[in-house]
N, C-alpha and C. Protein backbone atom coordinates (compact mmCIF):
# COMPACT_ATOMS: atom_id res chain seq x y z
N MET A 1 -63.37 86.26 8.57
CA MET A 1 -64.35 87.31 8.67
C MET A 1 -65.63 86.88 7.98
N ARG A 2 -66.74 87.18 8.59
CA ARG A 2 -68.04 86.76 8.06
C ARG A 2 -68.58 87.81 7.10
N GLU A 3 -69.12 87.38 6.00
CA GLU A 3 -69.69 88.30 5.02
C GLU A 3 -71.12 88.63 5.40
N HIS A 4 -71.56 89.81 4.96
CA HIS A 4 -72.94 90.21 5.22
C HIS A 4 -73.88 89.39 4.36
N SER A 5 -74.98 88.93 4.95
CA SER A 5 -75.95 88.17 4.18
C SER A 5 -76.76 89.10 3.28
N ASN A 6 -76.85 90.36 3.66
CA ASN A 6 -77.58 91.34 2.86
C ASN A 6 -76.56 92.34 2.30
N PRO A 7 -76.39 92.36 0.96
CA PRO A 7 -75.39 93.27 0.39
C PRO A 7 -75.74 94.74 0.59
N HIS A 8 -76.99 95.04 0.84
CA HIS A 8 -77.40 96.44 1.02
C HIS A 8 -77.24 96.90 2.46
N ALA A 9 -76.95 95.98 3.38
CA ALA A 9 -76.84 96.32 4.80
C ALA A 9 -75.70 97.32 5.03
N ALA A 10 -74.56 97.12 4.38
CA ALA A 10 -73.43 98.04 4.55
C ALA A 10 -73.78 99.41 4.00
N ALA A 11 -74.46 99.46 2.87
CA ALA A 11 -74.85 100.74 2.28
C ALA A 11 -75.87 101.44 3.18
N ASP A 12 -76.80 100.66 3.75
CA ASP A 12 -77.80 101.23 4.66
C ASP A 12 -77.14 101.78 5.92
N ALA A 13 -76.16 101.06 6.45
CA ALA A 13 -75.44 101.51 7.65
C ALA A 13 -74.67 102.79 7.35
N GLY A 14 -74.05 102.84 6.19
CA GLY A 14 -73.32 104.06 5.80
C GLY A 14 -74.25 105.24 5.65
N HIS A 15 -75.43 104.98 5.10
CA HIS A 15 -76.43 106.04 4.94
C HIS A 15 -76.91 106.52 6.31
N ALA A 16 -77.11 105.58 7.25
CA ALA A 16 -77.57 105.94 8.59
C ALA A 16 -76.53 106.79 9.31
N VAL A 17 -75.25 106.46 9.14
CA VAL A 17 -74.18 107.24 9.78
C VAL A 17 -74.13 108.64 9.18
N ALA A 18 -74.25 108.73 7.87
CA ALA A 18 -74.23 110.05 7.21
C ALA A 18 -75.43 110.88 7.65
N GLU A 19 -76.58 110.24 7.79
CA GLU A 19 -77.79 110.94 8.24
C GLU A 19 -77.62 111.44 9.68
N ALA A 20 -77.03 110.60 10.54
CA ALA A 20 -76.80 111.01 11.92
C ALA A 20 -75.83 112.18 12.00
N LYS A 21 -74.79 112.15 11.19
CA LYS A 21 -73.83 113.27 11.17
C LYS A 21 -74.50 114.56 10.71
N ARG A 22 -75.36 114.45 9.71
CA ARG A 22 -76.08 115.62 9.21
C ARG A 22 -76.96 116.22 10.30
N HIS A 23 -77.65 115.35 11.05
CA HIS A 23 -78.49 115.82 12.15
C HIS A 23 -77.66 116.47 13.25
N MET A 24 -76.50 115.89 13.53
CA MET A 24 -75.63 116.45 14.57
C MET A 24 -75.14 117.84 14.19
N VAL A 25 -74.81 118.03 12.92
CA VAL A 25 -74.39 119.35 12.45
C VAL A 25 -75.55 120.35 12.58
N THR A 26 -76.74 119.91 12.21
CA THR A 26 -77.92 120.78 12.34
C THR A 26 -78.15 121.15 13.80
N TYR A 27 -78.06 120.17 14.71
CA TYR A 27 -78.25 120.45 16.13
C TYR A 27 -77.18 121.40 16.65
N ALA A 28 -75.96 121.24 16.19
CA ALA A 28 -74.89 122.15 16.62
C ALA A 28 -75.15 123.57 16.15
N ILE A 29 -75.61 123.72 14.91
CA ILE A 29 -75.92 125.06 14.38
C ILE A 29 -77.07 125.68 15.17
N ILE A 30 -78.10 124.92 15.44
CA ILE A 30 -79.24 125.42 16.22
C ILE A 30 -78.79 125.76 17.63
N GLY A 31 -77.92 124.95 18.23
CA GLY A 31 -77.39 125.23 19.56
C GLY A 31 -76.64 126.55 19.60
N VAL A 32 -75.82 126.80 18.58
CA VAL A 32 -75.08 128.07 18.50
C VAL A 32 -76.07 129.23 18.32
N ALA A 33 -77.08 129.03 17.48
CA ALA A 33 -78.09 130.08 17.28
C ALA A 33 -78.83 130.38 18.58
N LEU A 34 -79.11 129.35 19.38
CA LEU A 34 -79.77 129.57 20.68
C LEU A 34 -78.86 130.30 21.65
N MET A 35 -77.57 130.00 21.61
CA MET A 35 -76.63 130.73 22.46
C MET A 35 -76.56 132.20 22.06
N ILE A 36 -76.55 132.46 20.77
CA ILE A 36 -76.57 133.84 20.28
C ILE A 36 -77.87 134.51 20.70
N GLY A 37 -78.97 133.79 20.59
CA GLY A 37 -80.26 134.32 21.02
C GLY A 37 -80.28 134.64 22.50
N THR A 38 -79.65 133.80 23.31
CA THR A 38 -79.57 134.07 24.74
C THR A 38 -78.74 135.32 25.01
N ALA A 39 -77.63 135.46 24.29
CA ALA A 39 -76.81 136.68 24.43
C ALA A 39 -77.61 137.91 24.01
N MET A 40 -78.41 137.78 22.94
CA MET A 40 -79.26 138.89 22.51
C MET A 40 -80.32 139.22 23.56
N THR A 41 -80.84 138.19 24.24
CA THR A 41 -81.82 138.41 25.29
C THR A 41 -81.21 139.22 26.44
N VAL A 42 -80.00 138.84 26.84
CA VAL A 42 -79.32 139.57 27.91
C VAL A 42 -79.04 141.00 27.46
N TRP A 43 -78.54 141.17 26.24
CA TRP A 43 -78.26 142.51 25.71
C TRP A 43 -79.53 143.36 25.67
N ALA A 44 -80.62 142.75 25.19
CA ALA A 44 -81.88 143.49 25.07
C ALA A 44 -82.43 143.90 26.43
N SER A 45 -82.12 143.12 27.47
CA SER A 45 -82.61 143.47 28.80
C SER A 45 -81.96 144.75 29.33
N TYR A 46 -80.77 145.06 28.84
CA TYR A 46 -80.09 146.28 29.26
C TYR A 46 -80.29 147.44 28.29
N ALA A 47 -80.71 147.15 27.07
CA ALA A 47 -80.87 148.18 26.04
C ALA A 47 -82.16 148.96 26.26
N ASP A 48 -82.13 150.22 25.88
CA ASP A 48 -83.32 151.06 25.94
C ASP A 48 -83.71 151.40 24.51
N PHE A 49 -84.85 150.89 24.06
CA PHE A 49 -85.29 151.10 22.69
C PHE A 49 -86.24 152.27 22.55
N GLY A 50 -86.34 153.09 23.58
CA GLY A 50 -87.15 154.29 23.48
C GLY A 50 -88.41 154.24 24.31
N SER A 51 -89.03 153.08 24.40
CA SER A 51 -90.22 152.96 25.23
C SER A 51 -90.31 151.53 25.75
N ARG A 52 -91.08 151.38 26.79
CA ARG A 52 -91.24 150.06 27.39
C ARG A 52 -91.92 149.09 26.43
N LYS A 53 -92.87 149.61 25.65
CA LYS A 53 -93.59 148.75 24.70
C LYS A 53 -92.64 148.17 23.65
N ILE A 54 -91.74 149.00 23.14
CA ILE A 54 -90.78 148.52 22.14
C ILE A 54 -89.84 147.51 22.77
N ASN A 55 -89.40 147.76 24.01
CA ASN A 55 -88.54 146.80 24.70
C ASN A 55 -89.23 145.44 24.83
N ILE A 56 -90.52 145.45 25.16
CA ILE A 56 -91.27 144.20 25.30
C ILE A 56 -91.41 143.51 23.95
N VAL A 57 -91.68 144.26 22.90
CA VAL A 57 -91.80 143.66 21.56
C VAL A 57 -90.49 143.01 21.13
N VAL A 58 -89.38 143.70 21.38
CA VAL A 58 -88.07 143.13 21.03
C VAL A 58 -87.81 141.86 21.82
N ALA A 59 -88.08 141.89 23.13
CA ALA A 59 -87.86 140.71 23.97
C ALA A 59 -88.74 139.55 23.51
N LEU A 60 -90.00 139.83 23.19
CA LEU A 60 -90.89 138.77 22.71
C LEU A 60 -90.47 138.22 21.35
N ALA A 61 -89.95 139.08 20.48
CA ALA A 61 -89.47 138.62 19.18
C ALA A 61 -88.29 137.67 19.34
N ILE A 62 -87.37 138.01 20.22
CA ILE A 62 -86.22 137.14 20.47
C ILE A 62 -86.69 135.82 21.07
N ALA A 63 -87.58 135.89 22.06
CA ALA A 63 -88.08 134.67 22.71
C ALA A 63 -88.86 133.79 21.73
N THR A 64 -89.65 134.41 20.87
CA THR A 64 -90.41 133.65 19.87
C THR A 64 -89.48 132.95 18.90
N THR A 65 -88.44 133.64 18.48
CA THR A 65 -87.47 133.02 17.57
C THR A 65 -86.78 131.83 18.23
N LYS A 66 -86.34 132.01 19.46
CA LYS A 66 -85.68 130.91 20.17
C LYS A 66 -86.66 129.75 20.40
N GLY A 67 -87.88 130.05 20.79
CA GLY A 67 -88.88 129.01 20.99
C GLY A 67 -89.20 128.26 19.71
N SER A 68 -89.24 128.98 18.60
CA SER A 68 -89.51 128.35 17.31
C SER A 68 -88.37 127.41 16.92
N LEU A 69 -87.14 127.81 17.19
CA LEU A 69 -86.01 126.93 16.89
C LEU A 69 -86.08 125.66 17.73
N VAL A 70 -86.37 125.80 19.01
CA VAL A 70 -86.46 124.62 19.87
C VAL A 70 -87.60 123.71 19.41
N ALA A 71 -88.78 124.29 19.20
CA ALA A 71 -89.94 123.49 18.78
C ALA A 71 -89.71 122.86 17.41
N GLY A 72 -89.15 123.62 16.50
CA GLY A 72 -88.98 123.13 15.14
C GLY A 72 -87.94 122.04 15.00
N PHE A 73 -86.79 122.23 15.65
CA PHE A 73 -85.69 121.29 15.42
C PHE A 73 -85.53 120.26 16.53
N PHE A 74 -85.52 120.68 17.80
CA PHE A 74 -85.32 119.72 18.87
C PHE A 74 -86.57 118.89 19.14
N MET A 75 -87.74 119.46 18.92
CA MET A 75 -88.99 118.71 19.10
C MET A 75 -89.46 118.12 17.77
N HIS A 76 -88.71 118.34 16.71
CA HIS A 76 -88.96 117.77 15.37
C HIS A 76 -90.30 118.18 14.77
N LEU A 77 -90.80 119.35 15.13
CA LEU A 77 -92.07 119.81 14.57
C LEU A 77 -91.91 120.36 13.16
N ILE A 78 -90.68 120.65 12.77
CA ILE A 78 -90.46 121.22 11.44
C ILE A 78 -90.75 120.19 10.34
N SER A 79 -90.71 118.91 10.70
CA SER A 79 -90.97 117.88 9.69
C SER A 79 -92.30 117.17 9.92
N GLU A 80 -93.13 117.70 10.79
CA GLU A 80 -94.41 117.08 11.08
C GLU A 80 -95.45 117.43 10.01
N LYS A 81 -96.58 116.79 10.13
CA LYS A 81 -97.65 116.97 9.15
C LYS A 81 -98.42 118.26 9.39
N LYS A 82 -99.31 118.56 8.48
CA LYS A 82 -100.09 119.80 8.54
C LYS A 82 -100.98 119.87 9.77
N MET A 83 -101.36 118.75 10.32
CA MET A 83 -102.23 118.75 11.50
C MET A 83 -101.55 119.43 12.67
N ILE A 84 -100.28 119.17 12.85
CA ILE A 84 -99.53 119.80 13.95
C ILE A 84 -99.54 121.31 13.76
N TYR A 85 -99.30 121.75 12.53
CA TYR A 85 -99.28 123.19 12.27
C TYR A 85 -100.66 123.81 12.47
N SER A 86 -101.70 123.07 12.14
CA SER A 86 -103.05 123.57 12.35
C SER A 86 -103.33 123.76 13.83
N VAL A 87 -102.94 122.78 14.63
CA VAL A 87 -103.13 122.88 16.08
C VAL A 87 -102.31 124.04 16.64
N MET A 88 -101.08 124.18 16.18
CA MET A 88 -100.24 125.29 16.65
C MET A 88 -100.85 126.63 16.25
N ALA A 89 -101.37 126.74 15.04
CA ALA A 89 -101.98 128.00 14.59
C ALA A 89 -103.20 128.33 15.43
N CYS A 90 -104.01 127.33 15.73
CA CYS A 90 -105.18 127.56 16.59
C CYS A 90 -104.75 128.00 17.98
N THR A 91 -103.72 127.39 18.50
CA THR A 91 -103.21 127.77 19.81
C THR A 91 -102.76 129.21 19.83
N VAL A 92 -102.01 129.61 18.82
CA VAL A 92 -101.55 131.00 18.73
C VAL A 92 -102.74 131.94 18.60
N PHE A 93 -103.72 131.57 17.78
CA PHE A 93 -104.90 132.42 17.61
C PHE A 93 -105.63 132.63 18.92
N PHE A 94 -105.91 131.52 19.63
CA PHE A 94 -106.65 131.64 20.89
C PHE A 94 -105.84 132.33 21.97
N PHE A 95 -104.53 132.12 21.99
CA PHE A 95 -103.68 132.83 22.94
C PHE A 95 -103.76 134.34 22.69
N ALA A 96 -103.62 134.73 21.42
CA ALA A 96 -103.70 136.15 21.07
C ALA A 96 -105.08 136.71 21.41
N ALA A 97 -106.13 135.95 21.15
CA ALA A 97 -107.48 136.42 21.47
C ALA A 97 -107.66 136.61 22.96
N LEU A 98 -107.16 135.67 23.76
CA LEU A 98 -107.27 135.81 25.21
C LEU A 98 -106.46 136.99 25.73
N MET A 99 -105.28 137.21 25.15
CA MET A 99 -104.48 138.37 25.56
C MET A 99 -105.20 139.67 25.19
N PHE A 100 -105.80 139.69 24.00
CA PHE A 100 -106.55 140.88 23.58
C PHE A 100 -107.72 141.13 24.53
N LEU A 101 -108.47 140.08 24.85
CA LEU A 101 -109.61 140.24 25.75
C LEU A 101 -109.16 140.72 27.13
N THR A 102 -108.04 140.20 27.60
CA THR A 102 -107.52 140.63 28.90
C THR A 102 -107.15 142.11 28.87
N LEU A 103 -106.42 142.51 27.85
CA LEU A 103 -106.02 143.93 27.75
C LEU A 103 -107.24 144.82 27.55
N TRP A 104 -108.20 144.37 26.75
CA TRP A 104 -109.41 145.15 26.50
C TRP A 104 -110.20 145.33 27.79
N SER A 105 -110.30 144.26 28.59
CA SER A 105 -111.07 144.37 29.83
C SER A 105 -110.38 145.27 30.84
N MET A 106 -109.07 145.38 30.76
CA MET A 106 -108.35 146.27 31.67
C MET A 106 -108.65 147.73 31.37
N HIS A 107 -108.98 148.04 30.13
CA HIS A 107 -109.25 149.42 29.73
C HIS A 107 -110.74 149.71 29.59
N ALA A 108 -111.57 148.72 29.77
CA ALA A 108 -113.02 148.93 29.69
C ALA A 108 -113.49 149.67 30.94
N PRO A 109 -114.54 150.46 30.80
CA PRO A 109 -115.05 151.16 31.99
C PRO A 109 -115.56 150.14 33.01
N ASN A 110 -115.33 150.47 34.27
CA ASN A 110 -115.77 149.57 35.34
C ASN A 110 -117.29 149.62 35.45
N ILE A 111 -117.88 148.46 35.45
CA ILE A 111 -119.33 148.36 35.58
C ILE A 111 -119.60 147.77 36.95
N VAL A 112 -120.29 148.54 37.76
CA VAL A 112 -120.59 148.10 39.12
C VAL A 112 -122.07 147.77 39.17
N HIS A 113 -122.37 146.57 39.54
CA HIS A 113 -123.77 146.16 39.67
C HIS A 113 -124.19 146.36 41.13
N THR A 114 -125.24 147.09 41.30
CA THR A 114 -125.76 147.29 42.65
C THR A 114 -127.02 146.46 42.83
N PRO A 115 -127.20 145.87 43.97
CA PRO A 115 -128.40 145.05 44.18
C PRO A 115 -129.64 145.92 44.21
N HIS A 116 -130.74 145.40 43.74
CA HIS A 116 -132.01 146.16 43.70
C HIS A 116 -132.81 145.92 44.92
């Protein structure tokens, strides 16, 4: 049997295996959480929370949570630098602003321009 030329190689390999197992456990937990979230989505689609607005808020909260888990763990954004979070925050801000402007324009009085 041939000996390792680098005595730390075996320790590094053991560390890599332990790290991979830790990641697999994390992915399994997130997978189970996503399955629970999917079940909650189906349940919420049949539940009546009193008004349509509340139903939409509940559905969006569940979807946001599931999306955050996917983005954070499967896309590895949870360990990224502050720049990624800054871009994500700007995206959320502009998305919310565009949604607000859309809803505001739907309730604004209709302005009809007539030719002179």
